[in-house]
Amino acid sequence: VTHDQVEAMTMADRVVVMNAGRIEQVAAPIDLYEKPANRFVANFIGSPAMNFFTVGIGGGAVQLGDQRLALPPETAQRLGNRDRVIFGIRPEHMRPGPFAADLEILTDTLEPLGAHTLILGHVAGEKITAQVDPRFPAEVGKPCTVTLDMQEAHFFDPDTEQRL
């Protein structure tokens, strides 16, 4: 038993994630990271934490503020006829990928950490953290465009917060 996420993820074959004495998910560490059962697990696993946005959805894309982010066709089909979802993306999945979408964010703070830089900013009035290459062209107080690997995006029901 530990409250240390890193210890649990590195030492265990299976991890039990609990919330207020209730089991949220029991899985291998990689499954907790890649396929969290719900928003609580998604937020708990990983550092920095996953970014979450309640977004409109339709026409094969999510609408984040005034920005439209296209979804991979299989994801759009899986989400069906919903008009609203919770969209989650990890800071480290803001990189080019097989199905990429550009997102403009307003940079509030830059945290250079050697191997990468964290951009702390805002999009559509919500906080966002992006993990980028240390040479990524960003300036505090100015907008920058990051590329999201939409195949790494997570979606949750806005009422139950369960994985979709």
Protein backbone atom coordinates (compact mmCIF):
# COMPACT_ATOMS: atom_id res chain seq x y z
CA VAL A 1 0.00 0.00 0.00
CA THR A 2 1.35 3.39 -0.99
CA HIS A 3 0.12 6.87 -1.79
CA ASP A 4 3.17 7.40 -4.00
CA GLN A 5 2.09 7.13 -7.63
CA VAL A 6 5.64 6.64 -8.92
CA GLU A 7 6.35 3.86 -6.43
CA ALA A 8 3.13 2.05 -7.33
CA MET A 9 3.65 2.39 -11.08
CA THR A 10 7.28 1.21 -11.02
CA MET A 11 7.04 -1.66 -8.53
CA ALA A 12 3.65 -3.27 -9.14
CA ASP A 13 2.34 -5.59 -11.84
CA ARG A 14 -1.19 -4.46 -10.99
CA VAL A 15 -2.28 -1.28 -9.26
CA VAL A 16 -5.51 -0.54 -7.41
CA VAL A 17 -6.57 3.11 -7.70
CA MET A 18 -8.90 4.11 -4.87
CA ASN A 19 -10.94 7.23 -4.28
CA ALA A 20 -12.51 7.89 -0.87
CA GLY A 21 -12.24 4.19 0.01
CA ARG A 22 -13.80 3.02 -3.26
CA ILE A 23 -11.94 1.07 -5.95
CA GLU A 24 -11.92 3.04 -9.20
CA GLN A 25 -9.76 0.69 -11.31
CA VAL A 26 -7.50 -2.34 -10.96
CA ALA A 27 -5.05 -2.73 -13.85
CA ALA A 28 -1.46 -2.94 -15.00
CA PRO A 29 0.34 0.42 -14.77
CA ILE A 30 0.39 0.90 -18.55
CA ASP A 31 -3.37 0.25 -18.76
CA LEU A 32 -4.06 2.84 -16.06
CA TYR A 33 -2.08 5.35 -18.12
CA GLU A 34 -3.41 4.44 -21.57
CA LYS A 35 -6.97 3.38 -20.72
CA PRO A 36 -8.11 5.03 -17.50
CA ALA A 37 -11.58 3.84 -16.48
CA ASN A 38 -12.74 7.33 -15.60
CA ARG A 39 -11.71 10.94 -15.17
CA PHE A 40 -10.49 10.40 -11.60
CA VAL A 41 -7.98 7.73 -12.68
CA ALA A 42 -6.95 9.78 -15.72
CA ASN A 43 -6.26 12.78 -13.50
CA PHE A 44 -4.48 10.74 -10.82
CA ILE A 45 -2.07 8.88 -13.12
CA GLY A 46 0.66 10.89 -14.83
CA SER A 47 2.64 13.99 -14.03
CA PRO A 48 1.94 16.65 -15.05
CA ALA A 49 -1.75 15.77 -14.89
CA MET A 50 -4.00 15.30 -17.89
CA ASN A 51 -5.75 18.41 -19.25
CA PHE A 52 -9.58 18.24 -19.29
CA PHE A 53 -12.11 20.30 -21.22
CA THR A 54 -15.87 19.95 -21.58
CA VAL A 55 -16.38 20.34 -25.31
CA GLY A 56 -19.05 20.20 -27.95
CA ILE A 57 -18.74 17.42 -30.50
CA GLY A 58 -20.09 16.93 -33.99
CA GLY A 59 -19.12 16.48 -37.59
CA GLY A 60 -16.11 14.36 -36.68
CA ALA A 61 -14.51 17.01 -34.46
CA VAL A 62 -14.53 18.51 -30.99
CA GLN A 63 -15.13 22.22 -30.51
CA LEU A 64 -12.82 23.78 -27.91
CA GLY A 65 -13.79 27.43 -27.67
CA ASP A 66 -13.59 28.73 -31.24
CA GLN A 67 -11.13 26.00 -32.29
CA ARG A 68 -12.20 22.82 -34.06
CA LEU A 69 -10.06 19.70 -33.53
CA ALA A 70 -10.66 16.87 -36.01
CA LEU A 71 -11.01 13.37 -34.58
CA PRO A 72 -9.71 10.13 -36.04
CA PRO A 73 -12.67 8.50 -37.85
CA GLU A 74 -12.76 5.50 -35.48
CA THR A 75 -12.93 7.84 -32.47
CA ALA A 76 -15.73 9.91 -34.02
CA GLN A 77 -17.66 6.70 -34.69
CA ARG A 78 -17.07 5.40 -31.14
CA LEU A 79 -18.39 8.65 -29.63
CA GLY A 80 -21.56 8.34 -31.70
CA ASN A 81 -24.28 10.97 -31.58
CA ARG A 82 -23.18 12.69 -28.38
CA ASP A 83 -23.22 16.46 -28.44
CA ARG A 84 -20.94 16.98 -25.43
CA VAL A 85 -17.98 15.11 -23.91
CA ILE A 86 -15.08 15.66 -21.57
CA PHE A 87 -11.95 15.77 -23.73
CA GLY A 88 -8.68 14.82 -22.05
CA ILE A 89 -5.16 15.15 -23.42
CA ARG A 90 -1.90 14.56 -21.58
CA PRO A 91 0.76 17.30 -21.76
CA GLU A 92 3.24 14.85 -23.32
CA HIS A 93 0.79 14.03 -26.13
CA MET A 94 1.05 17.54 -27.52
CA ARG A 95 3.28 16.48 -30.37
CA PRO A 96 2.90 15.53 -34.01
CA GLY A 97 1.24 12.17 -34.49
CA PRO A 98 -0.53 10.08 -37.10
CA PHE A 99 -3.72 12.10 -36.58
CA ALA A 100 -2.70 15.60 -35.52
CA ALA A 101 -4.69 18.74 -34.73
CA ASP A 102 -3.30 22.20 -34.06
CA LEU A 103 -4.39 24.09 -30.95
CA GLU A 104 -3.59 27.72 -30.21
CA ILE A 105 -2.96 28.48 -26.53
CA LEU A 106 -2.09 31.70 -24.72
CA THR A 107 1.21 31.25 -22.87
CA ASP A 108 1.16 32.32 -19.22
CA THR A 109 4.37 30.69 -17.95
CA LEU A 110 7.29 28.72 -19.38
CA GLU A 111 9.05 26.10 -17.24
CA PRO A 112 12.29 24.96 -18.93
CA LEU A 113 13.20 21.55 -17.49
CA GLY A 114 16.16 20.53 -19.63
CA ALA A 115 14.85 17.66 -21.76
CA HIS A 116 11.52 19.44 -22.23
CA THR A 117 9.69 22.65 -21.42
CA LEU A 118 6.27 22.97 -19.85
CA ILE A 119 3.99 25.64 -21.25
CA LEU A 120 1.35 26.69 -18.73
CA GLY A 121 -1.37 28.61 -20.47
CA HIS A 122 -5.03 29.05 -21.29
CA VAL A 123 -7.34 27.95 -24.06
CA ALA A 124 -11.03 28.88 -24.17
CA GLY A 125 -10.73 30.30 -20.64
CA GLU A 126 -9.41 27.02 -19.20
CA LYS A 127 -5.92 26.18 -17.93
CA ILE A 128 -3.73 23.92 -20.05
CA THR A 129 -0.28 22.39 -19.67
CA ALA A 130 1.76 21.38 -22.72
CA GLN A 131 5.07 19.51 -22.69
CA VAL A 132 7.19 20.57 -25.65
CA ASP A 133 10.72 20.43 -26.98
CA PRO A 134 12.99 22.89 -25.13
CA ARG A 135 13.56 24.80 -28.38
CA PHE A 136 9.81 25.20 -29.03
CA PRO A 137 9.11 28.85 -29.99
CA ALA A 138 6.90 30.17 -27.19
CA GLU A 139 6.88 33.51 -25.36
CA VAL A 140 5.07 34.47 -22.18
CA GLY A 141 2.01 36.59 -22.90
CA LYS A 142 1.76 35.49 -26.52
CA PRO A 143 -0.23 32.78 -28.27
CA CYS A 144 1.52 29.68 -29.59
CA THR A 145 0.28 26.71 -31.54
CA VAL A 146 0.85 23.18 -30.27
CA THR A 147 0.06 20.02 -32.18
CA LEU A 148 -2.08 17.41 -30.44
CA ASP A 149 -1.79 13.71 -31.21
CA MET A 150 -5.55 13.11 -31.34
CA GLN A 151 -5.08 9.34 -31.33
CA GLU A 152 -3.87 9.79 -27.74
CA ALA A 153 -6.94 11.81 -26.70
CA HIS A 154 -9.27 10.49 -24.00
CA PHE A 155 -13.02 11.01 -23.79
CA PHE A 156 -15.32 10.78 -20.80
CA ASP A 157 -19.07 11.06 -20.27
CA PRO A 158 -19.77 14.53 -18.82
CA ASP A 159 -22.40 13.16 -16.41
CA THR A 160 -20.78 9.95 -15.12
CA GLU A 161 -17.13 10.82 -15.92
CA GLN A 162 -16.67 7.22 -17.15
CA ARG A 163 -14.42 6.50 -20.13
CA LEU A 164 -16.15 6.47 -23.51
